[in-house]
N, C-alpha and C. Protein backbone atom coordinates (compact mmCIF):
# COMPACT_ATOMS: atom_id res chain seq x y z
N UNK A 1 11.85 21.76 9.05
CA UNK A 1 10.47 21.49 9.36
C UNK A 1 9.82 22.77 9.86
N UNK A 2 8.67 23.11 9.28
CA UNK A 2 7.98 24.33 9.67
C UNK A 2 6.65 23.98 10.33
N UNK A 3 6.46 24.44 11.56
CA UNK A 3 5.24 24.23 12.32
C UNK A 3 4.33 25.43 12.09
N UNK A 4 3.02 25.20 11.88
CA UNK A 4 2.10 26.29 11.58
C UNK A 4 1.09 26.56 12.68
N UNK A 5 1.50 26.41 13.93
CA UNK A 5 0.62 26.74 15.05
C UNK A 5 0.28 25.52 15.88
N UNK A 6 -0.39 25.79 16.99
CA UNK A 6 -0.73 24.72 17.94
C UNK A 6 -2.18 24.82 18.38
N UNK A 7 -2.75 23.65 18.74
CA UNK A 7 -4.05 23.60 19.38
C UNK A 7 -3.89 24.12 20.81
N UNK A 8 -5.00 24.32 21.50
CA UNK A 8 -4.96 24.82 22.88
C UNK A 8 -4.23 23.87 23.83
N UNK A 9 -4.15 22.59 23.47
CA UNK A 9 -3.45 21.62 24.32
C UNK A 9 -1.95 21.54 24.00
N UNK A 10 -1.48 22.37 23.06
CA UNK A 10 -0.07 22.39 22.70
C UNK A 10 0.28 21.54 21.50
N UNK A 11 -0.62 20.65 21.08
CA UNK A 11 -0.38 19.81 19.91
C UNK A 11 -0.28 20.69 18.66
N UNK A 12 0.74 20.43 17.83
CA UNK A 12 0.86 21.21 16.60
C UNK A 12 -0.29 20.90 15.66
N UNK A 13 -0.75 21.91 14.94
CA UNK A 13 -1.86 21.78 13.99
C UNK A 13 -1.36 21.20 12.68
N UNK A 14 -0.23 21.68 12.21
CA UNK A 14 0.32 21.20 10.95
C UNK A 14 1.81 21.50 10.90
N UNK A 15 2.48 20.83 9.97
CA UNK A 15 3.89 21.09 9.75
C UNK A 15 4.26 20.66 8.34
N UNK A 16 5.33 21.25 7.84
CA UNK A 16 5.84 20.86 6.54
C UNK A 16 7.29 20.42 6.70
N UNK A 17 7.60 19.27 6.09
CA UNK A 17 8.96 18.74 6.09
C UNK A 17 9.29 18.39 4.64
N UNK A 18 10.14 19.20 4.01
CA UNK A 18 10.37 19.03 2.58
C UNK A 18 9.10 19.34 1.83
N UNK A 19 8.69 18.44 0.94
CA UNK A 19 7.45 18.64 0.18
C UNK A 19 6.22 18.08 0.90
N UNK A 20 6.43 17.35 2.00
CA UNK A 20 5.32 16.67 2.68
C UNK A 20 4.72 17.59 3.74
N UNK A 21 3.41 17.83 3.59
CA UNK A 21 2.67 18.66 4.53
C UNK A 21 1.73 17.75 5.32
N UNK A 22 1.69 17.93 6.63
CA UNK A 22 0.87 17.09 7.50
C UNK A 22 -0.01 17.95 8.40
N UNK A 23 -1.31 17.63 8.42
CA UNK A 23 -2.25 18.22 9.37
C UNK A 23 -2.47 17.18 10.47
N UNK A 24 -2.65 17.64 11.72
CA UNK A 24 -2.87 16.75 12.84
C UNK A 24 -4.20 17.00 13.50
N UNK A 25 -4.79 15.93 14.06
CA UNK A 25 -5.93 16.08 14.95
C UNK A 25 -5.39 16.58 16.30
N UNK A 26 -6.26 17.05 17.15
CA UNK A 26 -5.85 17.59 18.45
C UNK A 26 -5.12 16.55 19.31
N UNK A 27 -5.42 15.26 19.08
CA UNK A 27 -4.77 14.21 19.86
C UNK A 27 -3.42 13.78 19.29
N UNK A 28 -2.99 14.40 18.18
CA UNK A 28 -1.69 14.10 17.60
C UNK A 28 -1.73 13.11 16.45
N UNK A 29 -2.87 12.45 16.23
CA UNK A 29 -2.98 11.54 15.10
C UNK A 29 -2.99 12.35 13.80
N UNK A 30 -2.50 11.74 12.73
CA UNK A 30 -2.46 12.44 11.44
C UNK A 30 -3.87 12.58 10.88
N UNK A 31 -4.23 13.81 10.55
CA UNK A 31 -5.53 14.14 9.96
C UNK A 31 -5.46 14.06 8.44
N UNK A 32 -4.41 14.64 7.86
CA UNK A 32 -4.23 14.63 6.40
C UNK A 32 -2.76 14.79 6.10
N UNK A 33 -2.34 14.17 4.97
CA UNK A 33 -0.94 14.27 4.61
C UNK A 33 -0.78 14.13 3.11
N UNK A 34 0.08 14.97 2.55
CA UNK A 34 0.37 14.91 1.12
C UNK A 34 1.41 15.96 0.76
N UNK A 35 1.61 16.13 -0.53
CA UNK A 35 2.61 17.10 -0.99
C UNK A 35 2.02 18.50 -1.05
N UNK A 36 2.84 19.45 -0.61
CA UNK A 36 2.53 20.87 -0.78
C UNK A 36 3.80 21.52 -1.32
N UNK A 37 3.69 21.99 -2.54
CA UNK A 37 4.84 22.58 -3.24
C UNK A 37 4.48 24.02 -3.60
N UNK A 38 5.32 24.97 -3.19
CA UNK A 38 5.05 26.39 -3.43
C UNK A 38 3.66 26.78 -2.93
N UNK A 39 3.29 26.26 -1.74
CA UNK A 39 2.00 26.52 -1.09
C UNK A 39 0.79 26.00 -1.85
N UNK A 40 1.00 25.04 -2.75
CA UNK A 40 -0.09 24.43 -3.50
C UNK A 40 -0.13 22.93 -3.20
N UNK A 41 -1.34 22.40 -2.92
CA UNK A 41 -1.49 20.95 -2.73
C UNK A 41 -1.31 20.28 -4.08
N UNK A 42 -0.50 19.21 -4.08
CA UNK A 42 -0.19 18.50 -5.31
C UNK A 42 -0.22 17.01 -5.06
N UNK A 43 -0.63 16.24 -6.05
CA UNK A 43 -0.54 14.79 -5.97
C UNK A 43 -1.47 14.16 -4.96
N UNK A 44 -1.07 12.97 -4.52
CA UNK A 44 -1.89 12.15 -3.64
C UNK A 44 -1.92 12.70 -2.21
N UNK A 45 -3.14 12.77 -1.65
CA UNK A 45 -3.35 13.15 -0.26
C UNK A 45 -4.18 12.06 0.41
N UNK A 46 -3.87 11.84 1.69
CA UNK A 46 -4.59 10.86 2.49
C UNK A 46 -5.20 11.57 3.69
N UNK A 47 -6.48 11.32 3.92
CA UNK A 47 -7.22 11.96 5.02
C UNK A 47 -7.72 10.88 5.98
N UNK A 48 -7.55 11.11 7.28
CA UNK A 48 -7.97 10.16 8.30
C UNK A 48 -8.98 10.81 9.25
N UNK A 49 -9.94 10.03 9.69
CA UNK A 49 -10.90 10.49 10.70
C UNK A 49 -10.21 10.53 12.06
N UNK A 50 -10.74 11.33 12.98
CA UNK A 50 -10.13 11.43 14.30
C UNK A 50 -10.19 10.11 15.06
N UNK A 51 -11.11 9.23 14.67
CA UNK A 51 -11.20 7.91 15.30
C UNK A 51 -10.05 6.99 14.86
N UNK A 52 -9.27 7.45 13.87
CA UNK A 52 -8.07 6.73 13.47
C UNK A 52 -8.16 5.93 12.18
N UNK A 53 -9.32 5.91 11.54
CA UNK A 53 -9.40 5.12 10.31
C UNK A 53 -9.26 6.00 9.05
N UNK A 54 -8.84 5.34 7.97
CA UNK A 54 -8.69 6.00 6.67
C UNK A 54 -10.06 6.48 6.21
N UNK A 55 -10.13 7.74 5.80
CA UNK A 55 -11.40 8.31 5.38
C UNK A 55 -11.43 8.58 3.88
N UNK A 56 -10.42 9.29 3.35
CA UNK A 56 -10.41 9.66 1.93
C UNK A 56 -8.99 9.58 1.38
N UNK A 57 -8.90 9.10 0.14
CA UNK A 57 -7.65 9.19 -0.62
C UNK A 57 -8.01 9.93 -1.90
N UNK A 58 -7.29 11.01 -2.18
CA UNK A 58 -7.57 11.81 -3.36
C UNK A 58 -6.33 12.49 -3.87
N UNK A 59 -6.48 13.13 -5.02
CA UNK A 59 -5.36 13.78 -5.68
C UNK A 59 -5.67 15.26 -5.95
N UNK A 60 -4.64 16.07 -5.84
CA UNK A 60 -4.73 17.50 -6.13
C UNK A 60 -3.81 17.86 -7.28
N UNK A 61 -4.18 18.90 -7.98
CA UNK A 61 -3.32 19.55 -8.97
C UNK A 61 -3.50 21.04 -8.77
N UNK A 62 -2.46 21.70 -8.28
CA UNK A 62 -2.50 23.14 -8.02
C UNK A 62 -3.68 23.55 -7.14
N UNK A 63 -3.85 22.85 -6.02
CA UNK A 63 -4.90 23.11 -5.00
C UNK A 63 -6.30 22.69 -5.42
N UNK A 64 -6.45 22.10 -6.59
CA UNK A 64 -7.78 21.67 -7.05
C UNK A 64 -7.84 20.15 -7.09
N UNK A 65 -9.00 19.60 -6.71
CA UNK A 65 -9.18 18.16 -6.83
C UNK A 65 -8.97 17.76 -8.29
N UNK A 66 -8.19 16.69 -8.48
CA UNK A 66 -7.86 16.27 -9.84
C UNK A 66 -7.57 14.77 -9.84
N UNK A 67 -8.37 14.03 -10.54
CA UNK A 67 -8.21 12.58 -10.56
C UNK A 67 -9.23 11.90 -9.66
N UNK A 68 -8.89 10.68 -9.26
CA UNK A 68 -9.81 9.85 -8.49
C UNK A 68 -9.77 10.21 -7.00
N UNK A 69 -10.97 10.28 -6.40
CA UNK A 69 -11.13 10.48 -4.96
C UNK A 69 -12.00 9.34 -4.45
N UNK A 70 -11.52 8.68 -3.41
CA UNK A 70 -12.25 7.55 -2.83
C UNK A 70 -12.49 7.81 -1.35
N UNK A 71 -13.76 7.68 -0.94
CA UNK A 71 -14.12 7.84 0.47
C UNK A 71 -14.46 6.47 1.04
N UNK A 72 -13.94 6.22 2.26
CA UNK A 72 -14.10 4.92 2.91
C UNK A 72 -14.99 5.00 4.15
N UNK A 73 -15.63 3.90 4.46
CA UNK A 73 -16.40 3.75 5.68
C UNK A 73 -15.46 3.31 6.80
N UNK A 74 -15.94 3.34 8.02
CA UNK A 74 -15.13 2.95 9.18
C UNK A 74 -14.65 1.50 9.08
N UNK A 75 -15.41 0.64 8.40
CA UNK A 75 -15.02 -0.76 8.27
C UNK A 75 -14.02 -1.00 7.15
N UNK A 76 -13.63 0.08 6.44
CA UNK A 76 -12.65 -0.03 5.36
C UNK A 76 -13.23 -0.24 3.98
N UNK A 77 -14.53 -0.45 3.91
CA UNK A 77 -15.16 -0.61 2.59
C UNK A 77 -15.33 0.75 1.93
N UNK A 78 -15.41 0.75 0.61
CA UNK A 78 -15.55 1.98 -0.16
C UNK A 78 -16.97 2.51 -0.05
N UNK A 79 -17.09 3.79 0.30
CA UNK A 79 -18.39 4.45 0.40
C UNK A 79 -18.75 5.14 -0.91
N UNK A 80 -17.76 5.82 -1.51
CA UNK A 80 -18.04 6.59 -2.72
C UNK A 80 -16.74 6.81 -3.50
N UNK A 81 -16.85 6.83 -4.82
CA UNK A 81 -15.72 7.17 -5.69
C UNK A 81 -16.14 8.32 -6.60
N UNK A 82 -15.26 9.30 -6.71
CA UNK A 82 -15.52 10.45 -7.56
C UNK A 82 -14.28 10.72 -8.41
N UNK A 83 -14.51 11.31 -9.58
CA UNK A 83 -13.41 11.69 -10.45
C UNK A 83 -13.52 13.18 -10.75
N UNK A 84 -12.40 13.89 -10.63
CA UNK A 84 -12.35 15.34 -10.84
C UNK A 84 -11.31 15.68 -11.91
N UNK A 85 -11.54 16.80 -12.56
CA UNK A 85 -10.54 17.37 -13.46
C UNK A 85 -10.49 18.86 -13.20
N UNK A 86 -9.33 19.33 -12.74
CA UNK A 86 -9.13 20.75 -12.42
C UNK A 86 -10.22 21.31 -11.52
N UNK A 87 -10.62 20.52 -10.51
CA UNK A 87 -11.59 20.97 -9.52
C UNK A 87 -13.04 20.73 -9.88
N UNK A 88 -13.32 20.26 -11.09
CA UNK A 88 -14.70 20.01 -11.52
C UNK A 88 -14.99 18.52 -11.46
N UNK A 89 -16.12 18.18 -10.83
CA UNK A 89 -16.50 16.77 -10.71
C UNK A 89 -16.95 16.24 -12.07
N UNK A 90 -16.33 15.15 -12.51
CA UNK A 90 -16.69 14.51 -13.78
C UNK A 90 -17.65 13.35 -13.57
N UNK A 91 -17.45 12.63 -12.46
CA UNK A 91 -18.32 11.49 -12.18
C UNK A 91 -18.33 11.21 -10.68
N UNK A 92 -19.41 10.56 -10.26
CA UNK A 92 -19.56 10.18 -8.86
C UNK A 92 -20.36 8.90 -8.82
N UNK A 93 -19.86 7.91 -8.08
CA UNK A 93 -20.64 6.69 -7.95
C UNK A 93 -20.58 6.16 -6.53
N UNK A 94 -21.75 6.16 -5.88
CA UNK A 94 -21.79 5.53 -4.56
C UNK A 94 -21.65 4.03 -4.75
N UNK A 95 -21.07 3.36 -3.79
CA UNK A 95 -20.91 1.92 -3.89
C UNK A 95 -22.22 1.23 -3.54
N UNK A 96 -22.51 0.15 -4.24
CA UNK A 96 -23.75 -0.58 -3.99
C UNK A 96 -23.71 -1.30 -2.65
N UNK A 97 -24.87 -1.51 -2.08
CA UNK A 97 -24.97 -2.23 -0.82
C UNK A 97 -24.88 -3.72 -1.09
N UNK A 98 -24.16 -4.41 -0.24
CA UNK A 98 -23.99 -5.86 -0.42
C UNK A 98 -24.73 -6.60 0.65
């Protein structure tokens, strides 16, 4: 496991264990987590707000957004969905209000 530094309160900022790379908020909650292979973000990543709720689920290919990205509201409903290919946005659709 490789630690990549600490916040002023001593909490680690990030670490890598095998292929899984994790970023932390200052309070120790997971900020983002996914695969990092040869220093490149790959595959599915999950991002959380510091308040503790799921914020974004997206995919990377060689450090570029690739595939579906979904952003969530604090109540868990979908706020926006976007699709990327090699870092270029192909589509974006905000969710309708109910």
